[in-house]
C-alpha cells in the first residue's frame, strides 16, 4: 500500500466537521455516516496525490498549495506542504465563502 503525506486536522476543521455531522445525524444518522466516510476517503486520496483536487479559488494569492474538494455539498479546504496535508476548514457550499 502506498504511503502518502501526513494528514493534520486544524481544530476549526474538526469542530466544523463535528457540527455538520451532529446536525445531519439529527434527521438521518446514515447520511451523517455517508458524509463522514466520503470526506475521510477524499482526504486519504489527497494524502496520496495532493494535486488531485483543484486549487482553492477562495484563497487569496494562492500559488496552488491551497486546494479543495466537495463531498455531498460540503467543501473541504486544505493546504499542501512538503511533509503534510493540513485540513483547514469544512463548510456547506451554501454558506458564504470567506477568503483567507
C-alpha atoms as a PDB file:
ATOM      1  CA  UNK A   1       0.000   0.000   0.000  1.00  0.00           C
ATOM      2  CA  UNK A   2       1.331   3.431  -0.956  1.00  0.00           C
ATOM      3  CA  UNK A   3       2.142   5.852   1.817  1.00  0.00           C
ATOM      4  CA  UNK A   4       1.004   9.428   1.450  1.00  0.00           C
ATOM      5  CA  UNK A   5       1.662  12.688   3.205  1.00  0.00           C
ATOM      6  CA  UNK A   6       0.787  13.016   6.872  1.00  0.00           C
ATOM      7  CA  UNK A   7      -2.736  14.380   7.486  1.00  0.00           C
ATOM      8  CA  UNK A   8      -3.125  17.106  10.121  1.00  0.00           C
ATOM      9  CA  UNK A   9      -6.571  18.483  11.014  1.00  0.00           C
ATOM     10  CA  UNK A  10      -6.942  22.046  12.277  1.00  0.00           C
ATOM     11  CA  UNK A  11      -9.092  22.489  15.372  1.00  0.00           C
ATOM     12  CA  UNK A  12     -11.518  24.577  13.301  1.00  0.00           C
ATOM     13  CA  UNK A  13     -11.930  21.855  10.672  1.00  0.00           C
ATOM     14  CA  UNK A  14     -12.528  19.181  13.306  1.00  0.00           C
ATOM     15  CA  UNK A  15     -15.101  21.405  15.009  1.00  0.00           C
ATOM     16  CA  UNK A  16     -16.831  22.199  11.713  1.00  0.00           C
ATOM     17  CA  UNK A  17     -16.954  18.515  10.775  1.00  0.00           C
ATOM     18  CA  UNK A  18     -18.351  17.548  14.173  1.00  0.00           C
ATOM     19  CA  UNK A  19     -21.050  20.237  13.983  1.00  0.00           C
ATOM     20  CA  UNK A  20     -22.064  19.202  10.450  1.00  0.00           C
ATOM     21  CA  UNK A  21     -22.264  15.530  11.393  1.00  0.00           C
ATOM     22  CA  UNK A  22     -24.239  16.292  14.556  1.00  0.00           C
ATOM     23  CA  UNK A  23     -26.713  18.452  12.649  1.00  0.00           C
ATOM     24  CA  UNK A  24     -27.191  15.896   9.857  1.00  0.00           C
ATOM     25  CA  UNK A  25     -27.497  12.959  12.265  1.00  0.00           C
ATOM     26  CA  UNK A  26     -30.489  14.591  13.973  1.00  0.00           C
ATOM     27  CA  UNK A  27     -32.527  13.759  10.859  1.00  0.00           C
ATOM     28  CA  UNK A  28     -30.500  10.953   9.322  1.00  0.00           C
ATOM     29  CA  UNK A  29     -27.668   9.157  11.105  1.00  0.00           C
ATOM     30  CA  UNK A  30     -26.970   7.162   7.944  1.00  0.00           C
ATOM     31  CA  UNK A  31     -26.465  10.340   5.883  1.00  0.00           C
ATOM     32  CA  UNK A  32     -24.083  11.683   8.529  1.00  0.00           C
ATOM     33  CA  UNK A  33     -22.078   8.472   8.260  1.00  0.00           C
ATOM     34  CA  UNK A  34     -22.055   8.669   4.450  1.00  0.00           C
ATOM     35  CA  UNK A  35     -20.718  12.240   4.639  1.00  0.00           C
ATOM     36  CA  UNK A  36     -18.043  11.325   7.174  1.00  0.00           C
ATOM     37  CA  UNK A  37     -16.837   8.330   5.152  1.00  0.00           C
ATOM     38  CA  UNK A  38     -16.864  10.383   1.938  1.00  0.00           C
ATOM     39  CA  UNK A  39     -14.775  13.174   3.457  1.00  0.00           C
ATOM     40  CA  UNK A  40     -12.287  10.757   5.014  1.00  0.00           C
ATOM     41  CA  UNK A  41     -11.910   8.886   1.708  1.00  0.00           C
ATOM     42  CA  UNK A  42     -11.152  12.082  -0.202  1.00  0.00           C
ATOM     43  CA  UNK A  43      -8.731  13.240   2.499  1.00  0.00           C
ATOM     44  CA  UNK A  44      -6.936   9.932   2.051  1.00  0.00           C
ATOM     45  CA  UNK A  45      -6.855  10.475  -1.722  1.00  0.00           C
ATOM     46  CA  UNK A  46      -5.388  13.959  -1.180  1.00  0.00           C
ATOM     47  CA  UNK A  47      -2.717  12.432   1.041  1.00  0.00           C
ATOM     48  CA  UNK A  48      -1.627  10.118  -1.768  1.00  0.00           C
ATOM     49  CA  UNK A  49      -1.943  12.715  -4.526  1.00  0.00           C
ATOM     50  CA  UNK A  50      -2.197  16.283  -3.147  1.00  0.00           C
ATOM     51  CA  UNK A  51      -2.693  17.861  -6.587  1.00  0.00           C
ATOM     52  CA  UNK A  52      -5.636  15.576  -7.383  1.00  0.00           C
ATOM     53  CA  UNK A  53      -8.112  18.312  -6.414  1.00  0.00           C
ATOM     54  CA  UNK A  54      -8.219  21.872  -7.826  1.00  0.00           C
ATOM     55  CA  UNK A  55      -6.650  24.964  -6.257  1.00  0.00           C
ATOM     56  CA  UNK A  56      -8.920  26.763  -3.797  1.00  0.00           C
ATOM     57  CA  UNK A  57     -10.373  29.740  -5.667  1.00  0.00           C
ATOM     58  CA  UNK A  58     -11.258  31.490  -2.392  1.00  0.00           C
ATOM     59  CA  UNK A  59      -7.665  31.585  -1.141  1.00  0.00           C
ATOM     60  CA  UNK A  60      -6.117  34.955  -1.839  1.00  0.00           C
ATOM     61  CA  UNK A  61      -2.729  34.798  -3.588  1.00  0.00           C
ATOM     62  CA  UNK A  62      -2.963  31.024  -3.917  1.00  0.00           C
ATOM     63  CA  UNK A  63       0.130  29.560  -5.562  1.00  0.00           C
ATOM     64  CA  UNK A  64      -1.513  26.151  -5.829  1.00  0.00           C
ATOM     65  CA  UNK A  65      -0.708  24.840  -2.361  1.00  0.00           C
ATOM     66  CA  UNK A  66      -4.229  25.571  -1.071  1.00  0.00           C
ATOM     67  CA  UNK A  67      -6.701  23.112  -2.578  1.00  0.00           C
ATOM     68  CA  UNK A  68     -10.269  21.938  -2.027  1.00  0.00           C
ATOM     69  CA  UNK A  69     -12.827  19.268  -2.803  1.00  0.00           C
ATOM     70  CA  UNK A  70     -16.553  18.817  -2.285  1.00  0.00           C
ATOM     71  CA  UNK A  71     -18.396  15.853  -0.778  1.00  0.00           C
ATOM     72  CA  UNK A  72     -22.205  15.853  -0.653  1.00  0.00           C
ATOM     73  CA  UNK A  73     -22.338  19.661  -0.703  1.00  0.00           C
ATOM     74  CA  UNK A  74     -19.616  20.104   1.932  1.00  0.00           C
ATOM     75  CA  UNK A  75     -16.461  21.856   0.801  1.00  0.00           C
ATOM     76  CA  UNK A  76     -13.150  20.852   2.391  1.00  0.00           C
ATOM     77  CA  UNK A  77     -10.151  23.181   2.080  1.00  0.00           C
ATOM     78  CA  UNK A  78      -6.616  22.002   2.714  1.00  0.00           C
ATOM     79  CA  UNK A  79      -3.033  23.200   2.454  1.00  0.00           C
ATOM     80  CA  UNK A  80      -0.250  21.141   0.933  1.00  0.00           C
ATOM     81  CA  UNK A  81       3.226  21.476   2.396  1.00  0.00           C
ATOM     82  CA  UNK A  82       6.367  19.451   1.898  1.00  0.00           C
ATOM     83  CA  UNK A  83       5.554  16.834   4.540  1.00  0.00           C
ATOM     84  CA  UNK A  84       1.855  17.137   5.267  1.00  0.00           C
ATOM     85  CA  UNK A  85      -1.688  17.918   4.226  1.00  0.00           C
ATOM     86  CA  UNK A  86      -3.392  20.293   6.680  1.00  0.00           C
ATOM     87  CA  UNK A  87      -7.194  20.217   6.627  1.00  0.00           C
ATOM     88  CA  UNK A  88      -8.183  23.843   7.232  1.00  0.00           C
ATOM     89  CA  UNK A  89     -11.959  24.088   7.137  1.00  0.00           C
ATOM     90  CA  UNK A  90     -15.212  22.415   6.180  1.00  0.00           C
ATOM     91  CA  UNK A  91     -18.360  24.284   5.207  1.00  0.00           C
ATOM     92  CA  UNK A  92     -21.610  23.699   3.374  1.00  0.00           C
ATOM     93  CA  UNK A  93     -21.460  25.056  -0.159  1.00  0.00           C
ATOM     94  CA  UNK A  94     -24.441  27.344   0.517  1.00  0.00           C
ATOM     95  CA  UNK A  95     -22.561  29.136   3.289  1.00  0.00           C
ATOM     96  CA  UNK A  96     -20.987  32.379   2.210  1.00  0.00           C
ATOM     97  CA  UNK A  97     -17.336  31.700   1.415  1.00  0.00           C
ATOM     98  CA  UNK A  98     -14.718  33.656   3.288  1.00  0.00           C
ATOM     99  CA  UNK A  99     -11.472  34.491   1.606  1.00  0.00           C
ATOM    100  CA  UNK A 100      -8.445  33.636   3.679  1.00  0.00           C
END
